[in-house]
Amino acid sequence: MLGLVPVPHRSLGNLAKKYGPLMQLQLGEVPILIMKNHDLIVADRPEIYAGNVMFYNSTSVVFSRYGDYWRDMRRNFVMHLLSAKYMQLFRPLREEEISNTIKGISSQAGVPVNLNKRITSMLSTVTSRAAFGDNCKVSEEVILMIRESLTLVGISMKDLFPSLKLIHRLGGMTSKLLGLHQEVDKFLERVIQEHINNNDANLKEDLVD
């Protein structure tokens, strides 16, 4: 299994060529069924501990189990957040951040550039500005929280060995997740309250509005 880490999709593809389109892998205490066809992936998406802690018992569109609730969430997400109105509304913002990213890369001509870091930073900035406006302090907070969540949200030892309670305390993952969850909660409460209290008609509309 350690050999799957660098490029797991290719490694699993090679295993599928060797053993067929249906395989079972044992990850800790959890049996995992690997299918060549991805069509049914969302039909049996397992809950993970990080999703339960960070996203209110996995009730977000990303982590919720497949079913009526997930379908309703996805439909609302597409209809409202990905509508033509919002795509057009935030087009100048996207173009500005893409331009800034290209200029930043161009300014480092002849020097190795970490594209993954650059693109992640650009997407985080676009997300922050679209959701919460152009407040620089808020944007910095959002970007830091996104970066931290990307390092914490994933499969943990608690997911692989659910019966071994002692392992769950190793590494401090639980306390880190709970701390980040509380930080995000306080941040969202503050931003929502600021929008409720602010009656300035000259401010640009964002997703919170």
N, C-alpha and C. Protein backbone atom coordinates (compact mmCIF):
# COMPACT_ATOMS: atom_id res chain seq x y z
N MET A 1 0.82 -1.22 0.00
CA MET A 1 0.00 0.00 0.00
C MET A 1 0.85 1.27 0.00
N LEU A 2 2.05 1.20 0.60
CA LEU A 2 2.90 2.38 0.62
C LEU A 2 3.27 2.82 -0.79
N GLY A 3 3.31 1.86 -1.71
CA GLY A 3 3.65 2.18 -3.09
C GLY A 3 2.56 2.96 -3.81
N LEU A 4 1.36 3.05 -3.22
CA LEU A 4 0.26 3.77 -3.86
C LEU A 4 0.32 5.27 -3.59
N VAL A 5 1.12 5.67 -2.61
CA VAL A 5 1.05 7.05 -2.12
C VAL A 5 1.36 8.11 -3.18
N PRO A 6 2.47 8.03 -3.95
CA PRO A 6 2.79 9.14 -4.87
C PRO A 6 1.72 9.40 -5.92
N VAL A 7 1.28 8.35 -6.62
CA VAL A 7 0.26 8.51 -7.67
C VAL A 7 -0.76 7.38 -7.52
N PRO A 8 -1.64 7.47 -6.53
CA PRO A 8 -2.56 6.36 -6.24
C PRO A 8 -3.47 5.99 -7.40
N HIS A 9 -3.92 6.97 -8.20
CA HIS A 9 -4.84 6.65 -9.29
C HIS A 9 -4.15 5.78 -10.34
N ARG A 10 -2.87 6.03 -10.59
CA ARG A 10 -2.15 5.20 -11.55
C ARG A 10 -1.86 3.82 -10.97
N SER A 11 -1.49 3.79 -9.70
CA SER A 11 -1.21 2.51 -9.05
C SER A 11 -2.45 1.63 -9.02
N LEU A 12 -3.59 2.22 -8.70
CA LEU A 12 -4.84 1.46 -8.68
C LEU A 12 -5.23 1.03 -10.09
N GLY A 13 -4.94 1.88 -11.08
CA GLY A 13 -5.20 1.50 -12.47
C GLY A 13 -4.38 0.30 -12.89
N ASN A 14 -3.11 0.26 -12.46
CA ASN A 14 -2.26 -0.89 -12.77
C ASN A 14 -2.76 -2.15 -12.07
N LEU A 15 -3.23 -2.00 -10.82
CA LEU A 15 -3.78 -3.15 -10.10
C LEU A 15 -5.03 -3.67 -10.79
N ALA A 16 -5.86 -2.74 -11.31
CA ALA A 16 -7.09 -3.15 -12.00
C ALA A 16 -6.76 -3.93 -13.28
N LYS A 17 -5.71 -3.51 -13.98
CA LYS A 17 -5.30 -4.25 -15.18
C LYS A 17 -4.85 -5.67 -14.83
N LYS A 18 -4.24 -5.79 -13.65
CA LYS A 18 -3.71 -7.10 -13.25
C LYS A 18 -4.77 -8.00 -12.65
N TYR A 19 -5.65 -7.44 -11.78
CA TYR A 19 -6.59 -8.26 -11.03
C TYR A 19 -8.04 -8.12 -11.48
N GLY A 20 -8.32 -7.20 -12.40
CA GLY A 20 -9.69 -7.05 -12.87
C GLY A 20 -10.36 -5.80 -12.34
N PRO A 21 -11.60 -5.53 -12.77
CA PRO A 21 -12.29 -4.27 -12.45
C PRO A 21 -12.84 -4.20 -11.03
N LEU A 22 -12.77 -5.30 -10.29
CA LEU A 22 -13.33 -5.32 -8.93
C LEU A 22 -12.28 -5.88 -7.98
N MET A 23 -11.89 -5.09 -6.98
CA MET A 23 -10.88 -5.51 -6.02
C MET A 23 -11.31 -5.12 -4.62
N GLN A 24 -10.80 -5.84 -3.63
CA GLN A 24 -11.03 -5.46 -2.24
C GLN A 24 -9.68 -5.27 -1.56
N LEU A 25 -9.50 -4.11 -0.95
CA LEU A 25 -8.30 -3.82 -0.18
C LEU A 25 -8.67 -3.69 1.29
N GLN A 26 -7.80 -4.14 2.15
CA GLN A 26 -8.03 -4.03 3.59
C GLN A 26 -7.19 -2.88 4.12
N LEU A 27 -7.84 -1.78 4.47
CA LEU A 27 -7.16 -0.61 5.03
C LEU A 27 -7.42 -0.58 6.52
N GLY A 28 -6.45 -1.05 7.30
CA GLY A 28 -6.65 -1.17 8.73
C GLY A 28 -7.73 -2.19 9.02
N GLU A 29 -8.78 -1.77 9.72
CA GLU A 29 -9.90 -2.66 10.02
C GLU A 29 -11.02 -2.55 8.99
N VAL A 30 -10.84 -1.69 8.01
CA VAL A 30 -11.93 -1.38 7.09
C VAL A 30 -11.69 -2.01 5.71
N PRO A 31 -12.62 -2.86 5.25
CA PRO A 31 -12.51 -3.39 3.89
C PRO A 31 -12.98 -2.35 2.88
N ILE A 32 -12.21 -2.14 1.83
CA ILE A 32 -12.54 -1.15 0.81
C ILE A 32 -12.73 -1.86 -0.53
N LEU A 33 -13.88 -1.64 -1.15
CA LEU A 33 -14.16 -2.22 -2.46
C LEU A 33 -13.76 -1.21 -3.54
N ILE A 34 -12.85 -1.62 -4.42
CA ILE A 34 -12.36 -0.77 -5.49
C ILE A 34 -13.03 -1.19 -6.79
N MET A 35 -13.70 -0.23 -7.46
CA MET A 35 -14.38 -0.51 -8.71
C MET A 35 -13.73 0.26 -9.85
N LYS A 36 -13.65 -0.36 -11.00
CA LYS A 36 -13.07 0.31 -12.17
C LYS A 36 -13.96 1.46 -12.63
N ASN A 37 -15.28 1.27 -12.56
CA ASN A 37 -16.23 2.29 -12.97
C ASN A 37 -16.58 3.16 -11.77
N HIS A 38 -16.46 4.48 -11.92
CA HIS A 38 -16.68 5.39 -10.79
C HIS A 38 -18.14 5.83 -10.65
N ASP A 39 -19.04 5.34 -11.47
CA ASP A 39 -20.43 5.83 -11.46
C ASP A 39 -21.12 5.65 -10.11
N LEU A 40 -20.76 4.60 -9.38
CA LEU A 40 -21.45 4.30 -8.13
C LEU A 40 -20.71 4.80 -6.90
N ILE A 41 -19.65 5.58 -7.10
CA ILE A 41 -18.86 6.03 -5.96
C ILE A 41 -19.73 6.81 -4.97
N VAL A 42 -20.52 7.76 -5.48
CA VAL A 42 -21.31 8.60 -4.57
C VAL A 42 -22.43 7.82 -3.91
N ALA A 43 -22.77 6.64 -4.42
CA ALA A 43 -23.85 5.86 -3.83
C ALA A 43 -23.43 5.21 -2.52
N ASP A 44 -22.15 5.13 -2.25
CA ASP A 44 -21.68 4.54 -1.00
C ASP A 44 -20.46 5.31 -0.51
N ARG A 45 -20.66 6.60 -0.29
CA ARG A 45 -19.55 7.44 0.16
C ARG A 45 -19.48 7.36 1.68
N PRO A 46 -18.44 6.78 2.24
CA PRO A 46 -18.38 6.60 3.69
C PRO A 46 -18.15 7.91 4.42
N GLU A 47 -18.69 8.01 5.61
CA GLU A 47 -18.40 9.17 6.44
C GLU A 47 -16.98 9.05 6.99
N ILE A 48 -16.31 10.19 7.10
CA ILE A 48 -14.99 10.18 7.73
C ILE A 48 -15.04 11.08 8.95
N TYR A 49 -14.17 10.80 9.90
CA TYR A 49 -14.18 11.50 11.18
C TYR A 49 -14.00 13.01 10.99
N ALA A 50 -13.06 13.40 10.14
CA ALA A 50 -12.80 14.83 9.92
C ALA A 50 -14.03 15.54 9.38
N GLY A 51 -14.77 14.88 8.48
CA GLY A 51 -15.98 15.46 7.93
C GLY A 51 -17.05 15.64 8.98
N ASN A 52 -17.15 14.69 9.92
CA ASN A 52 -18.13 14.79 10.99
C ASN A 52 -17.82 15.96 11.92
N VAL A 53 -16.54 16.14 12.24
CA VAL A 53 -16.15 17.20 13.16
C VAL A 53 -16.24 18.57 12.50
N MET A 54 -15.67 18.69 11.31
CA MET A 54 -15.55 20.00 10.66
C MET A 54 -16.85 20.47 10.02
N PHE A 55 -17.66 19.54 9.52
CA PHE A 55 -18.82 19.92 8.72
C PHE A 55 -20.13 19.41 9.31
N TYR A 56 -20.27 19.59 10.63
CA TYR A 56 -21.55 19.38 11.30
C TYR A 56 -22.15 18.01 10.99
N ASN A 57 -21.41 16.97 11.42
CA ASN A 57 -21.83 15.58 11.20
C ASN A 57 -22.00 15.27 9.71
N SER A 58 -21.06 15.77 8.92
CA SER A 58 -21.02 15.49 7.47
C SER A 58 -22.30 15.91 6.75
N THR A 59 -22.82 17.09 7.11
CA THR A 59 -24.04 17.57 6.46
C THR A 59 -23.74 18.53 5.31
N SER A 60 -22.47 18.71 4.96
CA SER A 60 -22.14 19.57 3.82
C SER A 60 -22.34 18.81 2.52
N VAL A 61 -22.39 19.54 1.41
CA VAL A 61 -22.60 18.91 0.11
C VAL A 61 -21.42 18.01 -0.26
N VAL A 62 -20.24 18.29 0.30
CA VAL A 62 -19.05 17.49 -0.02
C VAL A 62 -19.03 16.18 0.74
N PHE A 63 -19.42 16.20 2.02
CA PHE A 63 -19.22 15.03 2.87
C PHE A 63 -20.49 14.25 3.20
N SER A 64 -21.67 14.76 2.85
CA SER A 64 -22.90 14.04 3.21
C SER A 64 -23.06 12.77 2.38
N ARG A 65 -23.77 11.80 2.96
CA ARG A 65 -24.00 10.54 2.28
C ARG A 65 -24.98 10.74 1.13
N TYR A 66 -24.85 9.89 0.13
CA TYR A 66 -25.73 9.97 -1.04
C TYR A 66 -27.17 9.67 -0.63
N GLY A 67 -28.11 10.48 -1.11
CA GLY A 67 -29.53 10.29 -0.79
C GLY A 67 -30.31 11.55 -1.12
N ASP A 68 -31.55 11.63 -0.62
CA ASP A 68 -32.41 12.78 -0.91
C ASP A 68 -31.79 14.09 -0.43
N TYR A 69 -31.22 14.05 0.79
CA TYR A 69 -30.62 15.27 1.35
C TYR A 69 -29.48 15.76 0.47
N TRP A 70 -28.60 14.85 0.06
CA TRP A 70 -27.46 15.24 -0.77
C TRP A 70 -27.93 15.78 -2.12
N ARG A 71 -28.95 15.14 -2.70
CA ARG A 71 -29.45 15.60 -4.00
C ARG A 71 -30.05 17.00 -3.89
N ASP A 72 -30.79 17.27 -2.78
CA ASP A 72 -31.35 18.61 -2.58
C ASP A 72 -30.24 19.64 -2.39
N MET A 73 -29.23 19.28 -1.61
CA MET A 73 -28.10 20.19 -1.38
C MET A 73 -27.38 20.51 -2.68
N ARG A 74 -27.14 19.48 -3.47
CA ARG A 74 -26.42 19.67 -4.73
C ARG A 74 -27.24 20.53 -5.69
N ARG A 75 -28.56 20.29 -5.74
CA ARG A 75 -29.42 21.07 -6.63
C ARG A 75 -29.41 22.55 -6.22
N ASN A 76 -29.52 22.82 -4.92
CA ASN A 76 -29.49 24.21 -4.45
C ASN A 76 -28.14 24.86 -4.71
N PHE A 77 -27.08 24.08 -4.53
CA PHE A 77 -25.73 24.58 -4.77
C PHE A 77 -25.57 25.02 -6.22
N VAL A 78 -26.00 24.16 -7.13
CA VAL A 78 -25.86 24.45 -8.56
C VAL A 78 -26.77 25.61 -8.97
N MET A 79 -28.02 25.60 -8.48
CA MET A 79 -29.00 26.61 -8.89
C MET A 79 -28.63 28.00 -8.40
N HIS A 80 -28.11 28.09 -7.18
CA HIS A 80 -27.89 29.40 -6.58
C HIS A 80 -26.43 29.86 -6.66
N LEU A 81 -25.50 29.01 -6.26
CA LEU A 81 -24.10 29.44 -6.22
C LEU A 81 -23.40 29.34 -7.56
N LEU A 82 -23.89 28.46 -8.44
CA LEU A 82 -23.27 28.31 -9.75
C LEU A 82 -24.18 28.81 -10.87
N SER A 83 -25.12 29.66 -10.53
CA SER A 83 -26.05 30.19 -11.52
C SER A 83 -25.33 31.17 -12.45
N ALA A 84 -25.94 31.43 -13.61
CA ALA A 84 -25.35 32.36 -14.58
C ALA A 84 -25.19 33.75 -13.97
N LYS A 85 -26.12 34.13 -13.09
CA LYS A 85 -26.06 35.44 -12.44
C LYS A 85 -24.77 35.59 -11.64
N TYR A 86 -24.50 34.58 -10.79
CA TYR A 86 -23.31 34.67 -9.94
C TYR A 86 -22.03 34.48 -10.73
N MET A 87 -22.07 33.64 -11.75
CA MET A 87 -20.89 33.47 -12.58
C MET A 87 -20.50 34.79 -13.24
N GLN A 88 -21.50 35.54 -13.70
CA GLN A 88 -21.25 36.83 -14.34
C GLN A 88 -20.86 37.88 -13.31
N LEU A 89 -21.50 37.83 -12.14
CA LEU A 89 -21.24 38.81 -11.09
C LEU A 89 -19.78 38.78 -10.64
N PHE A 90 -19.23 37.57 -10.53
CA PHE A 90 -17.87 37.42 -10.01
C PHE A 90 -16.82 37.22 -11.11
N ARG A 91 -17.22 37.41 -12.35
CA ARG A 91 -16.25 37.26 -13.44
C ARG A 91 -15.09 38.25 -13.33
N PRO A 92 -15.34 39.55 -13.07
CA PRO A 92 -14.21 40.49 -12.94
C PRO A 92 -13.24 40.07 -11.83
N LEU A 93 -13.80 39.55 -10.74
CA LEU A 93 -12.96 39.10 -9.63
C LEU A 93 -12.04 37.96 -10.07
N ARG A 94 -12.62 36.97 -10.77
CA ARG A 94 -11.83 35.83 -11.23
C ARG A 94 -10.74 36.29 -12.20
N GLU A 95 -11.12 37.18 -13.12
CA GLU A 95 -10.14 37.67 -14.11
C GLU A 95 -9.01 38.43 -13.42
N GLU A 96 -9.35 39.20 -12.40
CA GLU A 96 -8.33 39.97 -11.67
C GLU A 96 -7.33 39.05 -10.98
N GLU A 97 -7.85 38.02 -10.29
CA GLU A 97 -6.97 37.11 -9.56
C GLU A 97 -6.14 36.24 -10.50
N ILE A 98 -6.72 35.84 -11.62
CA ILE A 98 -5.95 35.08 -12.62
C ILE A 98 -4.82 35.95 -13.17
N SER A 99 -5.14 37.21 -13.46
CA SER A 99 -4.13 38.14 -13.97
C SER A 99 -3.02 38.35 -12.95
N ASN A 100 -3.39 38.50 -11.67
CA ASN A 100 -2.39 38.68 -10.61
C ASN A 100 -1.48 37.46 -10.50
N THR A 101 -2.09 36.28 -10.64
CA THR A 101 -1.30 35.04 -10.55
C THR A 101 -0.32 34.93 -11.71
N ILE A 102 -0.78 35.24 -12.91
CA ILE A 102 0.09 35.19 -14.09
C ILE A 102 1.24 36.19 -13.96
N LYS A 103 0.93 37.40 -13.48
CA LYS A 103 1.98 38.41 -13.29
C LYS A 103 2.98 37.96 -12.24
N GLY A 104 2.48 37.33 -11.17
CA GLY A 104 3.37 36.84 -10.13
C GLY A 104 4.32 35.77 -10.64
N ILE A 105 3.80 34.87 -11.48
CA ILE A 105 4.63 33.81 -12.06
C ILE A 105 5.64 34.42 -13.04
N SER A 106 5.18 35.38 -13.85
CA SER A 106 6.07 36.02 -14.84
C SER A 106 7.21 36.78 -14.17
N SER A 107 6.92 37.34 -13.00
CA SER A 107 7.96 38.12 -12.30
C SER A 107 9.07 37.24 -11.76
N GLN A 108 8.85 35.93 -11.74
CA GLN A 108 9.87 35.00 -11.24
C GLN A 108 10.48 34.19 -12.38
N ALA A 109 10.59 34.81 -13.54
CA ALA A 109 11.17 34.13 -14.71
C ALA A 109 12.57 33.64 -14.39
N GLY A 110 12.84 32.39 -14.75
CA GLY A 110 14.15 31.80 -14.49
C GLY A 110 14.28 31.16 -13.13
N VAL A 111 13.23 31.29 -12.31
CA VAL A 111 13.24 30.71 -10.96
C VAL A 111 12.15 29.64 -10.89
N PRO A 112 12.43 28.48 -10.26
CA PRO A 112 11.39 27.45 -10.13
C PRO A 112 10.16 27.99 -9.39
N VAL A 113 8.99 27.68 -9.91
CA VAL A 113 7.73 28.16 -9.33
C VAL A 113 6.88 26.96 -8.92
N ASN A 114 6.36 27.00 -7.71
CA ASN A 114 5.46 25.96 -7.22
C ASN A 114 4.05 26.29 -7.70
N LEU A 115 3.66 25.71 -8.85
CA LEU A 115 2.36 26.02 -9.44
C LEU A 115 1.22 25.57 -8.54
N ASN A 116 1.39 24.44 -7.87
CA ASN A 116 0.33 23.95 -6.99
C ASN A 116 0.03 24.97 -5.89
N LYS A 117 1.09 25.53 -5.31
CA LYS A 117 0.92 26.53 -4.26
C LYS A 117 0.29 27.80 -4.81
N ARG A 118 0.73 28.22 -5.99
CA ARG A 118 0.20 29.44 -6.62
C ARG A 118 -1.29 29.30 -6.94
N ILE A 119 -1.65 28.18 -7.54
CA ILE A 119 -3.05 27.97 -7.95
C ILE A 119 -3.95 27.81 -6.73
N THR A 120 -3.45 27.09 -5.71
CA THR A 120 -4.23 26.94 -4.47
C THR A 120 -4.47 28.29 -3.82
N SER A 121 -3.44 29.13 -3.81
CA SER A 121 -3.57 30.47 -3.24
C SER A 121 -4.57 31.31 -4.03
N MET A 122 -4.52 31.21 -5.36
CA MET A 122 -5.45 31.96 -6.21
C MET A 122 -6.89 31.53 -5.95
N LEU A 123 -7.13 30.21 -5.91
CA LEU A 123 -8.48 29.70 -5.69
C LEU A 123 -9.00 30.09 -4.31
N SER A 124 -8.11 30.06 -3.31
CA SER A 124 -8.51 30.45 -1.96
C SER A 124 -8.90 31.92 -1.91
N THR A 125 -8.14 32.75 -2.61
CA THR A 125 -8.43 34.19 -2.64
C THR A 125 -9.75 34.47 -3.36
N VAL A 126 -9.97 33.81 -4.50
CA VAL A 126 -11.23 33.97 -5.23
C VAL A 126 -12.40 33.55 -4.36
N THR A 127 -12.27 32.40 -3.70
CA THR A 127 -13.34 31.91 -2.82
C THR A 127 -13.63 32.89 -1.71
N SER A 128 -12.57 33.38 -1.07
CA SER A 128 -12.73 34.31 0.04
C SER A 128 -13.40 35.61 -0.39
N ARG A 129 -12.93 36.19 -1.49
CA ARG A 129 -13.48 37.48 -1.95
C ARG A 129 -14.91 37.33 -2.44
N ALA A 130 -15.21 36.22 -3.10
CA ALA A 130 -16.58 36.00 -3.59
C ALA A 130 -17.54 35.80 -2.43
N ALA A 131 -17.09 35.08 -1.41
CA ALA A 131 -17.97 34.75 -0.29
C ALA A 131 -18.10 35.89 0.71
N PHE A 132 -16.98 36.59 0.98
CA PHE A 132 -16.98 37.54 2.10
C PHE A 132 -16.58 38.96 1.73
N GLY A 133 -16.39 39.23 0.43
CA GLY A 133 -16.05 40.59 0.02
C GLY A 133 -14.55 40.84 -0.03
N ASP A 134 -14.18 42.12 -0.20
CA ASP A 134 -12.78 42.49 -0.44
C ASP A 134 -12.03 42.86 0.83
N ASN A 135 -12.58 42.57 1.99
CA ASN A 135 -11.90 42.87 3.24
C ASN A 135 -10.61 42.05 3.34
N CYS A 136 -9.47 42.74 3.33
CA CYS A 136 -8.17 42.04 3.30
C CYS A 136 -7.95 41.19 4.55
N LYS A 137 -8.35 41.70 5.71
CA LYS A 137 -8.16 40.95 6.95
C LYS A 137 -8.98 39.66 6.93
N VAL A 138 -10.22 39.77 6.45
CA VAL A 138 -11.08 38.59 6.35
C VAL A 138 -10.50 37.60 5.35
N SER A 139 -10.00 38.10 4.22
CA SER A 139 -9.42 37.22 3.21
C SER A 139 -8.25 36.44 3.77
N GLU A 140 -7.39 37.10 4.54
CA GLU A 140 -6.24 36.43 5.14
C GLU A 140 -6.70 35.34 6.10
N GLU A 141 -7.73 35.62 6.89
CA GLU A 141 -8.26 34.62 7.82
C GLU A 141 -8.79 33.41 7.06
N VAL A 142 -9.56 33.67 6.01
CA VAL A 142 -10.16 32.58 5.23
C VAL A 142 -9.08 31.71 4.59
N ILE A 143 -8.08 32.35 3.99
CA ILE A 143 -7.02 31.60 3.33
C ILE A 143 -6.28 30.72 4.33
N LEU A 144 -5.99 31.24 5.52
CA LEU A 144 -5.32 30.45 6.55
C LEU A 144 -6.17 29.26 6.98
N MET A 145 -7.48 29.48 7.14
CA MET A 145 -8.37 28.39 7.55
C MET A 145 -8.50 27.34 6.45
N ILE A 146 -8.55 27.78 5.20
CA ILE A 146 -8.62 26.83 4.08
C ILE A 146 -7.37 25.97 4.04
N ARG A 147 -6.21 26.61 4.18
CA ARG A 147 -4.95 25.87 4.15
C ARG A 147 -4.88 24.85 5.28
N GLU A 148 -5.30 25.27 6.47
CA GLU A 148 -5.26 24.35 7.61
C GLU A 148 -6.23 23.19 7.42
N SER A 149 -7.42 23.49 6.90
CA SER A 149 -8.41 22.43 6.70
C SER A 149 -7.95 21.43 5.65
N LEU A 150 -7.23 21.90 4.62
CA LEU A 150 -6.73 20.99 3.59
C LEU A 150 -5.72 20.01 4.15
N THR A 151 -4.98 20.43 5.19
CA THR A 151 -4.00 19.52 5.79
C THR A 151 -4.65 18.55 6.78
N LEU A 152 -5.83 18.91 7.31
CA LEU A 152 -6.45 18.08 8.35
C LEU A 152 -7.57 17.18 7.83
N VAL A 153 -8.31 17.65 6.82
CA VAL A 153 -9.48 16.90 6.36
C VAL A 153 -9.04 15.79 5.42
N GLY A 154 -9.24 14.58 5.86
CA GLY A 154 -8.85 13.40 5.07
C GLY A 154 -9.02 12.16 5.93
N ILE A 155 -8.58 11.03 5.40
CA ILE A 155 -8.67 9.79 6.15
C ILE A 155 -7.70 9.83 7.32
N SER A 156 -8.18 9.48 8.50
CA SER A 156 -7.34 9.48 9.70
C SER A 156 -7.24 8.07 10.28
N MET A 157 -6.39 7.92 11.28
CA MET A 157 -6.24 6.62 11.96
C MET A 157 -7.57 6.19 12.58
N LYS A 158 -8.36 7.16 13.00
CA LYS A 158 -9.66 6.84 13.61
C LYS A 158 -10.59 6.20 12.59
N ASP A 159 -10.47 6.58 11.32
CA ASP A 159 -11.29 5.98 10.27
C ASP A 159 -10.83 4.57 9.94
N LEU A 160 -9.52 4.33 10.00
CA LEU A 160 -8.97 3.03 9.62
C LEU A 160 -9.01 2.02 10.75
N PHE A 161 -8.91 2.50 12.00
CA PHE A 161 -8.93 1.61 13.17
C PHE A 161 -9.96 2.12 14.18
N PRO A 162 -11.25 2.03 13.86
CA PRO A 162 -12.28 2.60 14.72
C PRO A 162 -12.36 1.99 16.12
N SER A 163 -11.89 0.75 16.30
CA SER A 163 -12.02 0.09 17.61
C SER A 163 -10.85 0.40 18.54
N LEU A 164 -9.75 0.92 18.03
CA LEU A 164 -8.56 1.17 18.84
C LEU A 164 -8.58 2.60 19.38
N LYS A 165 -9.18 2.78 20.55
CA LYS A 165 -9.39 4.11 21.11
C LYS A 165 -8.07 4.84 21.39
N LEU A 166 -7.03 4.09 21.79
CA LEU A 166 -5.76 4.72 22.14
C LEU A 166 -5.13 5.40 20.93
N ILE A 167 -5.25 4.77 19.75
CA ILE A 167 -4.67 5.34 18.53
C ILE A 167 -5.29 6.69 18.19
N HIS A 168 -6.56 6.86 18.56
CA HIS A 168 -7.27 8.09 18.21
C HIS A 168 -6.64 9.32 18.86
N ARG A 169 -5.93 9.10 19.99
CA ARG A 169 -5.34 10.23 20.70
C ARG A 169 -3.95 10.59 20.18
N LEU A 170 -3.37 9.71 19.37
CA LEU A 170 -2.03 9.95 18.87
C LEU A 170 -2.03 11.06 17.83
N GLY A 171 -1.05 11.93 17.92
CA GLY A 171 -0.88 12.99 16.92
C GLY A 171 -1.72 14.22 17.16
N GLY A 172 -2.67 14.16 18.10
CA GLY A 172 -3.47 15.34 18.42
C GLY A 172 -4.45 15.75 17.33
N MET A 173 -4.81 14.81 16.43
CA MET A 173 -5.70 15.16 15.32
C MET A 173 -7.06 15.65 15.80
N THR A 174 -7.61 14.97 16.81
CA THR A 174 -8.94 15.35 17.31
C THR A 174 -8.95 16.78 17.84
N SER A 175 -7.96 17.12 18.66
CA SER A 175 -7.92 18.47 19.23
C SER A 175 -7.71 19.53 18.14
N LYS A 176 -6.91 19.19 17.12
CA LYS A 176 -6.68 20.13 16.01
C LYS A 176 -7.97 20.36 15.23
N LEU A 177 -8.71 19.28 14.95
CA LEU A 177 -9.97 19.41 14.21
C LEU A 177 -11.00 20.20 14.99
N LEU A 178 -11.12 19.89 16.28
CA LEU A 178 -12.09 20.61 17.12
C LEU A 178 -11.72 22.09 17.23
N GLY A 179 -10.42 22.37 17.35
CA GLY A 179 -9.97 23.76 17.44
C GLY A 179 -10.27 24.52 16.16
N LEU A 180 -10.01 23.91 15.01
CA LEU A 180 -10.29 24.57 13.73
C LEU A 180 -11.79 24.74 13.53
N HIS A 181 -12.57 23.74 13.93
CA HIS A 181 -14.03 23.83 13.80
C HIS A 181 -14.57 25.02 14.60
N GLN A 182 -14.09 25.18 15.83
CA GLN A 182 -14.53 26.30 16.67
C GLN A 182 -14.10 27.64 16.07
N GLU A 183 -12.89 27.66 15.50
CA GLU A 183 -12.39 28.88 14.87
C GLU A 183 -13.25 29.27 13.68
N VAL A 184 -13.60 28.29 12.84
CA VAL A 184 -14.45 28.55 11.67
C VAL A 184 -15.84 29.00 12.11
N ASP A 185 -16.38 28.35 13.14
CA ASP A 185 -17.70 28.72 13.65
C ASP A 185 -17.74 30.18 14.11
N LYS A 186 -16.76 30.56 14.90
CA LYS A 186 -16.70 31.93 15.41
C LYS A 186 -16.55 32.93 14.26
N PHE A 187 -15.72 32.57 13.29
CA PHE A 187 -15.51 33.44 12.13
C PHE A 187 -16.81 33.66 11.36
N LEU A 188 -17.53 32.57 11.08
CA LEU A 188 -18.77 32.68 10.31
C LEU A 188 -19.83 33.48 11.07
N GLU A 189 -19.93 33.25 12.38
CA GLU A 189 -20.88 34.01 13.20
C GLU A 189 -20.57 35.50 13.13
N ARG A 190 -19.28 35.83 13.22
CA ARG A 190 -18.87 37.23 13.18
C ARG A 190 -19.18 37.88 11.84
N VAL A 191 -18.87 37.17 10.75
CA VAL A 191 -19.10 37.71 9.40
C VAL A 191 -20.59 37.92 9.15
N ILE A 192 -21.41 36.95 9.54
CA ILE A 192 -22.86 37.06 9.34
C ILE A 192 -23.41 38.25 10.13
N GLN A 193 -22.95 38.40 11.38
CA GLN A 193 -23.43 39.51 12.20
C GLN A 193 -23.00 40.85 11.62
N GLU A 194 -21.78 40.92 11.08
CA GLU A 194 -21.31 42.15 10.45
C GLU A 194 -22.17 42.52 9.24
N HIS A 195 -22.56 41.51 8.46
CA HIS A 195 -23.42 41.77 7.30
C HIS A 195 -24.81 42.22 7.73
N ILE A 196 -25.31 41.67 8.82
CA ILE A 196 -26.63 42.07 9.33
C ILE A 196 -26.60 43.52 9.80
N ASN A 197 -25.50 43.90 10.46
CA ASN A 197 -25.40 45.24 11.03
C ASN A 197 -25.01 46.31 10.01
N ASN A 198 -24.46 45.89 8.87
CA ASN A 198 -23.95 46.86 7.89
C ASN A 198 -25.04 47.19 6.86
N ASN A 199 -25.38 48.47 6.80
CA ASN A 199 -26.42 48.92 5.87
C ASN A 199 -25.86 49.77 4.73
N ASP A 200 -24.55 49.67 4.50
CA ASP A 200 -23.92 50.48 3.46
C ASP A 200 -24.30 49.95 2.08
N ALA A 201 -25.09 50.71 1.35
CA ALA A 201 -25.57 50.28 0.03
C ALA A 201 -24.47 50.31 -1.03
N ASN A 202 -23.34 50.96 -0.71
CA ASN A 202 -22.26 51.08 -1.70
C ASN A 202 -21.32 49.87 -1.71
N LEU A 203 -21.46 49.00 -0.72
CA LEU A 203 -20.59 47.82 -0.67
C LEU A 203 -20.98 46.83 -1.76
N LYS A 204 -19.97 46.16 -2.33
CA LYS A 204 -20.23 45.15 -3.35
C LYS A 204 -20.94 43.95 -2.74
N GLU A 205 -21.84 43.36 -3.52
CA GLU A 205 -22.57 42.18 -3.05
C GLU A 205 -21.63 40.97 -3.03
N ASP A 206 -21.76 40.14 -1.98
CA ASP A 206 -21.01 38.89 -1.93
C ASP A 206 -21.97 37.75 -1.64
N LEU A 207 -21.46 36.53 -1.51
CA LEU A 207 -22.33 35.36 -1.35
C LEU A 207 -23.08 35.36 -0.03
N VAL A 208 -22.51 35.99 1.00
CA VAL A 208 -23.21 36.07 2.28
C VAL A 208 -24.48 36.88 2.13
N ASP A 209 -24.45 37.92 1.30
CA ASP A 209 -25.64 38.74 1.06
C ASP A 209 -26.73 37.93 0.38
